[in-house]
Amino acid sequence: MMKKNISQLLEKFKTGLAEGKDPYFDSEEIEDLLNGISDEEAKEYLIPILDLGLRLYPFNQSLLIKRIEKECINENYETALSYAEELKHVDDPDLHVARLECFCMLEEYHKAVTYLDNLEAEKNEYLEEVYESFINILADHEFYTVGITFAKKAIKLFPDNNDIQLALLYIYFDYEKNKEVIKLATKLTDKMPYSYDVWYMLGASYARIEEFNKAIEALDFALTCKDCLESKMLKGFCLAGIKNYKEALEINLEVNKEKPTSLVQQAIVQCYSYLGQNEKAKLLSRFLIEVYKGNCPRSVLGCYLNTCMVTSQEEEMIDALKTLASTGSQHKMHLFLQMMVSSLMDLEDSTDYSEEILKLKIEFGGNMNLFQDMLFKKGFFHFAAGEVRSALQYLEELEEENSDYYLLHPLLTLCYLETGNKDRFLNQISLLPKDRLTVLSKINHIHFNPVHDKIMPRSKDLSSILIKNINNYN
């Protein structure tokens, strides 16, 4: 039925609903309404329309099957099966699929196997169609292992059915079985050479295992099938993965122009940084730091701090670090080590915080754990801001209160290293466990580049984020 007629029927139903009356529709009009409503705002009327149809035509087989599907949508699977039992002699593909869905959702997989075996034994004309729909439903419910089992059986029965093989490919892809995706997708590219989804999943799976050149080749084919931002984004990340930052930047700028997202802008920051366009990298990364507040990805932080160092804008860098420390950034320790490496610690700070420490003790003295946490946090923040001597006032007080406080000694070690207090530095080192580097690495979450001896973000950081959220790249 034409969309215009569907709209007219829907308006008729709304009018009757508003007047508290049941408007009359013949059974075909009810079915047309149920099948034709696509507008999200109108979907709320589907169940009332179905209920009206069942009141008008209580023995209509199609409507009775839709009632079963409605119960499945509402996750009332036992009720759905009881309704299905009333139609046990009806041979309808939608009814078969609804029963199978109920069996699986109730974890009665053996019943699903038996049911399909019976359809096969009866040489049911709908068996192939039932398998197609059922496997897609399993994929939607993330029943990957069960879905793979049923899909493989269906492929043996119907080896030329590309739709079933495509459904299996979706399951493999969502289940992150990359080798299986690559094998099946490569086979399907011969059968379905113009399928965007096949080429895209092939490219994304290659990207997951960091075979970026093969990923780029597959994504190029995907883009010839359909011009899609999703593939462009992933291609940009793969180009960065092979250090082709110039082309990666071009693609990411194009994507950002069409649909700006923070993820794409992170990629652009990395490209700017690697291409030596430091001012652009600094401006965009500073913008992203403001956007992310206390949850800024470390790749963006690394780029920003690096560009500040390269452009000798130390004051701006310190200001940003203080701001980040005050927001409760999850990467505080990252920032501490970044400042230590860049030798920007303010060693001349000599503000006396003894009075504030006394106030804290009075305020939280009844709860020593909270008092100690406050001391560590204060010392932590001062260290982030480069105020090492101020940090030591809090940390040394904490050492007197509880010398076993978690991460206290690694942080004190770094403070004494910065202030040049050799004796206390060596003493703190002696208090660390034997695997001292591991302990310090709990504070240091920076990736060091051994070639350039400076901190650099890893290009694959962003690709891994994208690939893990491949269906939600915003």
Protein backbone atom coordinates (compact mmCIF):
# COMPACT_ATOMS: atom_id res chain seq x y z
CA MET A 1 0.00 0.00 0.00
CA MET A 2 1.18 3.52 -0.76
CA LYS A 3 2.73 5.46 2.09
CA LYS A 4 0.05 8.12 1.68
CA ASN A 5 -2.69 5.52 2.27
CA ILE A 6 -0.86 4.19 5.32
CA SER A 7 -0.76 7.73 6.73
CA GLN A 8 -4.49 8.12 6.11
CA LEU A 9 -5.25 4.83 7.85
CA LEU A 10 -3.05 5.81 10.78
CA GLU A 11 -4.81 9.16 11.14
CA LYS A 12 -8.14 7.35 11.12
CA PHE A 13 -6.90 5.10 13.92
CA LYS A 14 -5.57 8.05 15.96
CA THR A 15 -8.89 9.86 15.65
CA GLY A 16 -10.80 6.84 16.90
CA LEU A 17 -8.34 6.39 19.75
CA ALA A 18 -8.77 10.03 20.80
CA GLU A 19 -12.56 9.64 20.74
CA GLY A 20 -12.43 6.41 22.74
CA LYS A 21 -13.92 4.39 19.88
CA ASP A 22 -12.74 1.43 17.83
CA PRO A 23 -12.56 2.60 14.21
CA TYR A 24 -13.45 -0.05 11.64
CA PHE A 25 -10.80 -1.52 9.34
CA ASP A 26 -10.98 -4.63 7.21
CA SER A 27 -8.35 -7.30 7.95
CA GLU A 28 -6.14 -6.29 5.03
CA GLU A 29 -6.05 -2.69 6.23
CA ILE A 30 -4.98 -3.85 9.69
CA GLU A 31 -2.17 -5.93 8.17
CA ASP A 32 -1.16 -3.04 5.92
CA LEU A 33 -0.92 -0.78 8.95
CA LEU A 34 1.15 -3.27 10.92
CA ASN A 35 3.52 -3.87 8.01
CA GLY A 36 3.63 -0.32 6.72
CA ILE A 37 4.37 1.78 9.81
CA SER A 38 8.04 2.72 9.71
CA ASP A 39 8.15 6.14 11.31
CA GLU A 40 9.72 5.87 14.79
CA GLU A 41 7.12 8.25 16.20
CA ALA A 42 4.30 6.03 14.92
CA LYS A 43 5.63 2.70 16.19
CA GLU A 44 3.97 3.26 19.54
CA TYR A 45 0.67 2.52 17.78
CA LEU A 46 1.67 -0.96 16.57
CA ILE A 47 0.46 -2.85 19.65
CA PRO A 48 -2.84 -0.90 19.96
CA ILE A 49 -3.48 -1.55 16.24
CA LEU A 50 -2.75 -5.26 16.70
CA ASP A 51 -5.07 -5.40 19.71
CA LEU A 52 -7.79 -3.71 17.67
CA GLY A 53 -7.28 -6.19 14.84
CA LEU A 54 -7.61 -9.14 17.20
CA ARG A 55 -10.83 -7.69 18.63
CA LEU A 56 -12.24 -7.30 15.13
CA TYR A 57 -10.84 -10.57 13.71
CA PRO A 58 -10.05 -12.94 16.61
CA PHE A 59 -9.42 -15.93 14.30
CA ASN A 60 -7.27 -14.19 11.70
CA GLN A 61 -4.19 -16.41 11.37
CA SER A 62 -1.80 -13.64 10.34
CA LEU A 63 -2.82 -11.47 13.29
CA LEU A 64 -2.54 -14.40 15.70
CA ILE A 65 1.04 -14.97 14.54
CA LYS A 66 1.79 -11.28 15.02
CA ARG A 67 0.46 -11.61 18.56
CA ILE A 68 3.07 -14.31 19.16
CA GLU A 69 5.78 -12.06 17.70
CA LYS A 70 4.59 -9.26 19.99
CA GLU A 71 5.09 -11.49 23.03
CA CYS A 72 8.59 -12.32 21.79
CA ILE A 73 9.38 -8.62 21.51
CA ASN A 74 8.15 -8.17 25.08
CA GLU A 75 10.30 -11.17 26.13
CA ASN A 76 7.25 -13.15 27.26
CA TYR A 77 8.54 -16.33 25.65
CA GLU A 78 6.47 -18.85 27.60
CA THR A 79 3.31 -16.90 26.77
CA ALA A 80 4.38 -16.78 23.13
CA LEU A 81 4.82 -20.57 23.10
CA SER A 82 1.39 -21.07 24.64
CA TYR A 83 -0.14 -18.94 21.87
CA ALA A 84 1.91 -20.85 19.29
CA GLU A 85 0.52 -24.12 20.64
CA GLU A 86 -2.95 -22.92 19.63
CA LEU A 87 -1.65 -22.81 16.04
CA LYS A 88 0.30 -26.08 16.14
CA HIS A 89 -1.12 -27.30 12.83
CA VAL A 90 -0.34 -24.08 10.97
CA ASP A 91 2.60 -24.16 8.55
CA ASP A 92 3.92 -20.61 8.40
CA PRO A 93 7.59 -19.50 8.28
CA ASP A 94 7.08 -16.62 10.73
CA LEU A 95 5.42 -18.97 13.19
CA HIS A 96 8.28 -21.47 12.89
CA VAL A 97 10.85 -18.75 13.50
CA ALA A 98 8.95 -17.41 16.53
CA ARG A 99 8.91 -20.88 18.11
CA LEU A 100 12.64 -21.32 17.50
CA GLU A 101 13.37 -17.92 19.02
CA CYS A 102 11.42 -18.88 22.14
CA PHE A 103 13.29 -22.17 22.50
CA CYS A 104 16.66 -20.43 22.36
CA MET A 105 15.72 -17.56 24.64
CA LEU A 106 14.52 -20.14 27.19
CA GLU A 107 17.83 -22.00 26.65
CA GLU A 108 15.99 -25.06 25.34
CA TYR A 109 18.37 -25.50 22.42
CA HIS A 110 17.65 -29.22 22.06
CA LYS A 111 14.04 -28.36 21.23
CA ALA A 112 15.22 -25.98 18.50
CA VAL A 113 17.43 -28.72 17.04
CA THR A 114 14.57 -31.24 17.12
CA TYR A 115 12.14 -28.75 15.62
CA LEU A 116 14.43 -27.99 12.68
CA ASP A 117 15.19 -31.68 12.19
CA ASN A 118 11.46 -32.36 11.97
CA LEU A 119 11.00 -29.61 9.38
CA GLU A 120 13.87 -31.11 7.41
CA ALA A 121 12.42 -34.63 7.66
CA GLU A 122 9.07 -33.31 6.45
CA LYS A 123 10.86 -31.55 3.57
CA ASN A 124 9.12 -28.37 4.62
CA GLU A 125 9.06 -25.84 1.79
CA TYR A 126 9.89 -22.99 4.18
CA LEU A 127 12.97 -24.60 5.76
CA GLU A 128 15.53 -22.44 3.94
CA GLU A 129 13.61 -19.25 4.72
CA VAL A 130 13.25 -20.31 8.36
CA TYR A 131 16.99 -20.88 8.71
CA GLU A 132 17.76 -17.45 7.20
CA SER A 133 15.49 -15.59 9.61
CA PHE A 134 16.37 -17.71 12.64
CA ILE A 135 20.14 -17.25 12.25
CA ASN A 136 19.72 -13.48 11.94
CA ILE A 137 17.66 -13.45 15.13
CA LEU A 138 20.39 -15.40 16.95
CA ALA A 139 22.92 -12.83 15.76
CA ASP A 140 20.71 -9.97 16.97
CA HIS A 141 20.54 -11.59 20.42
CA GLU A 142 24.32 -12.17 20.39
CA PHE A 143 23.91 -15.95 20.60
CA TYR A 144 27.14 -16.34 18.67
CA THR A 145 28.13 -19.91 19.50
CA VAL A 146 24.63 -21.25 18.93
CA GLY A 147 24.29 -19.13 15.80
CA ILE A 148 27.50 -20.53 14.33
CA THR A 149 26.30 -24.10 14.95
CA PHE A 150 22.94 -23.57 13.25
CA ALA A 151 24.45 -21.53 10.41
CA LYS A 152 27.00 -24.23 9.57
CA LYS A 153 24.23 -26.83 9.47
CA ALA A 154 22.12 -24.57 7.23
CA ILE A 155 25.03 -24.04 4.84
CA LYS A 156 25.42 -27.81 4.48
CA LEU A 157 21.74 -28.04 3.56
CA PHE A 158 21.76 -24.97 1.32
CA PRO A 159 25.34 -24.44 0.10
CA ASP A 160 24.32 -21.92 -2.56
CA ASN A 161 22.41 -19.64 -0.19
CA ASN A 162 24.53 -16.51 0.06
CA ASP A 163 22.21 -14.90 2.60
CA ILE A 164 22.85 -17.66 5.14
CA GLN A 165 26.59 -17.39 4.56
CA LEU A 166 26.34 -13.63 4.98
CA ALA A 167 24.47 -14.12 8.26
CA LEU A 168 27.29 -16.40 9.44
CA LEU A 169 29.79 -13.73 8.40
CA TYR A 170 28.00 -11.15 10.58
CA ILE A 171 28.17 -13.54 13.54
CA TYR A 172 31.88 -14.19 13.01
CA PHE A 173 32.49 -10.44 12.74
CA ASP A 174 30.55 -9.51 15.87
CA TYR A 175 32.19 -12.41 17.71
CA GLU A 176 35.60 -11.06 16.57
CA LYS A 177 36.62 -14.34 14.95
CA ASN A 178 38.89 -12.52 12.53
CA LYS A 179 40.45 -15.50 10.78
CA GLU A 180 37.02 -16.99 10.09
CA VAL A 181 35.75 -13.63 8.81
CA ILE A 182 38.71 -13.28 6.45
CA LYS A 183 38.30 -16.81 5.09
CA LEU A 184 34.53 -16.57 4.54
CA ALA A 185 34.54 -12.96 3.33
CA THR A 186 37.26 -13.74 0.78
CA LYS A 187 35.05 -16.55 -0.53
CA LEU A 188 31.97 -14.31 -0.63
CA THR A 189 33.73 -11.52 -2.54
CA ASP A 190 33.67 -13.83 -5.56
CA LYS A 191 29.97 -14.53 -5.12
CA MET A 192 28.97 -11.04 -3.98
CA PRO A 193 31.58 -8.69 -5.50
CA TYR A 194 29.40 -5.60 -5.02
CA SER A 195 28.49 -6.20 -1.38
CA TYR A 196 29.66 -3.29 0.74
CA ASP A 197 29.20 -5.23 3.98
CA VAL A 198 31.38 -8.14 2.85
CA TRP A 199 34.27 -5.89 1.79
CA TYR A 200 33.93 -3.74 4.90
CA MET A 201 34.00 -6.68 7.32
CA LEU A 202 36.98 -8.10 5.44
CA GLY A 203 38.85 -4.79 5.76
CA ALA A 204 37.92 -4.28 9.41
CA SER A 205 39.03 -7.82 10.31
CA TYR A 206 42.39 -7.29 8.64
CA ALA A 207 42.67 -4.03 10.60
CA ARG A 208 41.95 -5.85 13.85
CA ILE A 209 44.97 -8.09 13.33
CA GLU A 210 47.01 -5.09 12.13
CA GLU A 211 47.44 -6.25 8.54
CA PHE A 212 46.85 -2.68 7.45
CA ASN A 213 47.83 -2.94 3.77
CA LYS A 214 45.31 -5.73 3.16
CA ALA A 215 42.75 -3.80 5.19
CA ILE A 216 43.22 -0.71 3.02
CA GLU A 217 42.81 -2.76 -0.16
CA ALA A 218 39.53 -4.27 1.07
CA LEU A 219 38.24 -0.90 2.28
CA ASP A 220 38.96 0.62 -1.13
CA PHE A 221 36.68 -2.02 -2.67
CA ALA A 222 34.06 -1.28 0.00
CA LEU A 223 34.18 2.42 -0.90
CA THR A 224 33.64 1.63 -4.59
CA CYS A 225 30.45 -0.18 -3.54
CA LYS A 226 29.24 2.61 -1.26
CA ASP A 227 30.70 5.94 -0.22
CA CYS A 228 30.56 5.56 3.55
CA LEU A 229 32.19 7.55 6.34
CA GLU A 230 32.67 4.42 8.41
CA SER A 231 35.03 2.91 5.83
CA LYS A 232 36.81 6.21 5.28
CA MET A 233 37.47 6.54 9.00
CA LEU A 234 38.87 3.04 9.25
CA LYS A 235 41.00 3.54 6.15
CA GLY A 236 42.44 6.67 7.74
CA PHE A 237 43.41 4.74 10.86
CA CYS A 238 44.97 1.98 8.75
CA LEU A 239 47.01 4.52 6.79
CA ALA A 240 48.28 5.88 10.08
CA GLY A 241 49.07 2.30 11.05
CA ILE A 242 51.51 2.04 8.12
CA LYS A 243 52.82 5.54 8.92
CA ASN A 244 51.32 7.15 5.82
CA TYR A 245 50.25 10.16 7.86
CA LYS A 246 49.86 12.49 4.88
CA GLU A 247 47.10 10.43 3.25
CA ALA A 248 45.63 9.58 6.64
CA LEU A 249 45.36 13.29 7.41
CA GLU A 250 43.64 14.00 4.08
CA ILE A 251 41.02 11.32 4.68
CA ASN A 252 40.42 12.28 8.31
CA LEU A 253 40.00 15.95 7.39
CA GLU A 254 37.46 14.92 4.74
CA VAL A 255 35.53 12.79 7.24
CA ASN A 256 35.67 15.53 9.87
CA LYS A 257 34.25 18.01 7.37
CA GLU A 258 31.25 15.77 6.70
CA LYS A 259 30.69 14.55 10.25
CA PRO A 260 32.99 15.91 12.97
CA THR A 261 33.52 13.55 15.89
CA SER A 262 36.04 13.57 18.71
CA LEU A 263 37.42 10.22 17.54
CA VAL A 264 38.27 11.58 14.09
CA GLN A 265 39.75 14.70 15.64
CA GLN A 266 42.02 12.53 17.79
CA ALA A 267 43.29 10.92 14.58
CA ILE A 268 43.86 14.34 13.05
CA VAL A 269 45.87 15.42 16.11
CA GLN A 270 48.11 12.38 15.77
CA CYS A 271 48.66 13.02 12.06
CA TYR A 272 49.53 16.68 12.69
CA SER A 273 51.98 15.61 15.39
CA TYR A 274 53.78 13.03 13.26
CA LEU A 275 53.90 15.39 10.28
CA GLY A 276 55.53 18.08 12.42
CA GLN A 277 52.57 20.47 12.16
CA ASN A 278 52.94 21.26 15.83
CA GLU A 279 50.86 24.42 16.10
CA LYS A 280 47.83 22.73 14.51
CA ALA A 281 48.33 19.66 16.71
CA LYS A 282 48.57 21.83 19.82
CA LEU A 283 45.43 23.85 19.07
CA LEU A 284 43.25 20.85 18.25
CA SER A 285 44.53 18.72 21.13
CA ARG A 286 43.95 21.59 23.59
CA PHE A 287 40.39 21.85 22.25
CA LEU A 288 39.87 18.10 22.80
CA ILE A 289 41.27 18.33 26.33
CA GLU A 290 38.54 20.87 27.10
CA VAL A 291 35.91 18.62 25.48
CA TYR A 292 36.94 15.49 27.36
CA LYS A 293 37.47 17.27 30.69
CA GLY A 294 38.92 14.69 33.09
CA ASN A 295 38.71 11.74 30.68
CA CYS A 296 40.97 12.86 27.88
CA PRO A 297 42.64 9.95 26.00
CA ARG A 298 46.34 9.69 26.66
CA SER A 299 47.14 9.91 22.93
CA VAL A 300 45.69 13.44 22.89
CA LEU A 301 47.48 14.39 26.13
CA GLY A 302 50.74 13.05 24.75
CA CYS A 303 50.40 15.03 21.53
CA TYR A 304 49.54 18.21 23.38
CA LEU A 305 52.42 17.98 25.82
CA ASN A 306 54.87 17.04 23.07
CA THR A 307 53.90 20.00 20.92
CA CYS A 308 54.20 22.34 23.90
CA MET A 309 57.71 21.06 24.49
CA VAL A 310 58.66 21.29 20.83
CA THR A 311 57.34 24.84 20.54
CA SER A 312 58.91 25.81 23.90
CA GLN A 313 55.58 26.96 25.33
CA GLU A 314 56.32 25.76 28.83
CA GLU A 315 54.03 28.14 30.68
CA GLU A 316 51.02 27.08 28.64
CA MET A 317 51.90 23.46 29.27
CA ILE A 318 52.15 23.92 33.03
CA ASP A 319 48.85 25.81 33.03
CA ALA A 320 47.15 22.96 31.18
CA LEU A 321 48.59 20.40 33.58
CA LYS A 322 47.28 22.31 36.59
CA THR A 323 43.86 22.50 34.98
CA LEU A 324 43.85 18.79 34.25
CA ALA A 325 44.98 17.92 37.76
CA SER A 326 42.13 19.92 39.24
CA THR A 327 39.53 18.11 37.08
CA GLY A 328 40.43 14.71 38.48
CA SER A 329 41.88 13.37 35.24
CA GLN A 330 42.29 9.61 35.14
CA HIS A 331 45.73 10.21 33.62
CA LYS A 332 47.28 12.23 36.46
CA MET A 333 50.22 9.89 36.83
CA HIS A 334 50.80 10.11 33.11
CA LEU A 335 51.05 13.87 33.46
CA PHE A 336 53.43 13.64 36.39
CA LEU A 337 55.98 11.61 34.49
CA GLN A 338 55.52 13.74 31.40
CA MET A 339 56.47 16.79 33.43
CA MET A 340 59.40 15.01 35.04
CA VAL A 341 60.81 13.98 31.66
CA SER A 342 60.39 17.46 30.24
CA SER A 343 62.22 18.97 33.25
CA LEU A 344 59.50 21.49 33.88
CA MET A 345 59.08 20.84 37.58
CA ASP A 346 58.88 24.01 39.61
CA LEU A 347 61.47 23.24 42.27
CA GLU A 348 61.38 26.73 43.78
CA ASP A 349 57.91 26.41 45.24
CA SER A 350 58.11 26.87 49.00
CA THR A 351 54.55 27.57 50.15
CA ASP A 352 53.98 26.33 53.70
CA TYR A 353 51.01 23.95 53.86
CA SER A 354 51.48 22.85 57.48
CA GLU A 355 48.42 24.84 58.59
CA GLU A 356 46.27 23.27 55.91
CA ILE A 357 47.51 19.80 56.88
CA LEU A 358 46.52 20.54 60.48
CA LYS A 359 43.05 21.60 59.32
CA LEU A 360 42.72 18.35 57.38
CA LYS A 361 43.71 16.35 60.43
CA ILE A 362 41.13 18.15 62.55
CA GLU A 363 38.44 17.72 59.89
CA PHE A 364 39.12 14.07 59.03
CA GLY A 365 40.95 12.93 62.15
CA GLY A 366 38.08 10.67 63.09
CA ASN A 367 38.50 8.79 59.84
CA MET A 368 42.19 8.08 59.37
CA ASN A 369 41.70 6.32 56.04
CA LEU A 370 39.98 9.37 54.62
CA PHE A 371 42.62 11.67 56.10
CA GLN A 372 45.39 9.63 54.49
CA ASP A 373 43.57 9.61 51.16
CA MET A 374 43.28 13.39 51.32
CA LEU A 375 47.00 13.73 52.03
CA PHE A 376 47.89 11.55 49.09
CA LYS A 377 45.47 13.34 46.79
CA LYS A 378 46.85 16.75 47.78
CA GLY A 379 50.41 15.58 47.26
CA PHE A 380 49.33 14.03 44.01
CA PHE A 381 47.83 17.27 42.66
CA HIS A 382 50.82 19.38 43.64
CA PHE A 383 53.11 16.93 41.88
CA ALA A 384 50.90 17.20 38.79
CA ALA A 385 51.27 20.96 38.88
CA GLY A 386 55.03 20.69 39.17
CA GLU A 387 55.09 21.86 42.78
CA VAL A 388 57.32 19.09 44.11
CA ARG A 389 58.30 20.69 47.41
CA SER A 390 54.64 21.34 48.24
CA ALA A 391 53.82 17.76 47.31
CA LEU A 392 56.49 16.53 49.71
CA GLN A 393 54.86 18.31 52.65
CA TYR A 394 51.73 16.21 52.22
CA LEU A 395 53.50 12.99 51.27
CA GLU A 396 55.98 13.11 54.16
CA GLU A 397 53.10 13.71 56.56
CA LEU A 398 51.39 10.68 55.03
CA GLU A 399 54.56 8.62 55.47
CA GLU A 400 54.47 9.38 59.19
CA GLU A 401 50.81 8.37 59.36
CA ASN A 402 51.03 5.23 57.22
CA SER A 403 54.30 4.28 55.57
CA ASP A 404 52.60 1.37 53.78
CA TYR A 405 50.15 3.55 51.85
CA TYR A 406 49.72 2.25 48.30
CA LEU A 407 52.00 3.98 45.75
CA LEU A 408 53.40 6.34 48.38
CA HIS A 409 57.01 5.19 48.06
CA PRO A 410 57.14 5.26 44.24
CA LEU A 411 55.81 8.82 44.30
CA LEU A 412 58.22 9.89 47.04
CA THR A 413 61.05 8.33 45.03
CA LEU A 414 60.20 10.56 42.08
CA CYS A 415 59.89 13.65 44.28
CA TYR A 416 63.31 13.14 45.85
CA LEU A 417 64.79 12.43 42.43
CA GLU A 418 63.50 15.79 41.21
CA THR A 419 64.68 17.72 44.25
CA GLY A 420 68.10 16.09 44.08
CA ASN A 421 67.88 14.68 47.61
CA LYS A 422 70.19 11.72 47.03
CA ASP A 423 70.01 10.16 50.51
CA ARG A 424 66.23 10.15 50.70
CA PHE A 425 65.98 9.02 47.07
CA LEU A 426 68.20 6.00 47.79
CA ASN A 427 66.26 5.27 50.96
CA GLN A 428 62.95 5.27 49.08
CA ILE A 429 64.43 3.06 46.36
CA SER A 430 65.43 0.56 49.04
CA LEU A 431 61.82 0.44 50.26
CA LEU A 432 60.47 -0.53 46.85
CA PRO A 433 59.89 -4.18 45.91
CA LYS A 434 62.60 -5.93 43.93
CA ASP A 435 60.83 -5.33 40.64
CA ARG A 436 61.23 -1.55 40.98
CA LEU A 437 60.55 -0.75 37.34
CA THR A 438 57.19 -2.52 37.54
CA VAL A 439 56.22 -0.49 40.60
CA LEU A 440 57.20 2.76 38.95
CA SER A 441 55.30 1.74 35.83
CA LYS A 442 52.12 1.80 37.92
CA ILE A 443 52.64 5.53 37.96
CA ASN A 444 54.05 5.84 34.47
CA HIS A 445 51.50 5.06 31.75
CA ILE A 446 53.50 6.79 29.02
CA HIS A 447 54.80 5.08 25.92
CA PHE A 448 58.48 5.94 25.50
CA ASN A 449 60.00 5.95 22.04
CA PRO A 450 63.49 4.43 22.49
CA VAL A 451 64.70 5.83 19.18
CA HIS A 452 63.88 9.48 19.79
CA ASP A 453 64.03 9.24 23.60
CA LYS A 454 60.82 11.18 24.00
CA ILE A 455 57.19 10.48 24.66
CA MET A 456 55.07 9.80 21.60
CA PRO A 457 51.48 8.55 21.24
CA ARG A 458 50.99 5.22 19.54
CA SER A 459 49.18 5.43 16.21
CA LYS A 460 47.34 2.18 16.84
CA ASP A 461 45.69 3.54 20.01
CA LEU A 462 42.89 5.11 18.00
CA SER A 463 42.52 2.26 15.53
CA SER A 464 41.99 -0.18 18.38
CA ILE A 465 39.31 2.09 19.86
CA LEU A 466 37.50 2.36 16.54
CA ILE A 467 37.71 -1.32 15.71
CA LYS A 468 36.39 -2.37 19.11
CA ASN A 469 33.42 0.01 18.61
CA ILE A 470 33.08 -0.62 14.92
CA ASN A 471 29.30 -0.25 14.86
CA ASN A 472 29.24 2.86 17.02
CA TYR A 473 32.03 5.05 15.70
CA ASN A 474 30.61 8.31 17.04
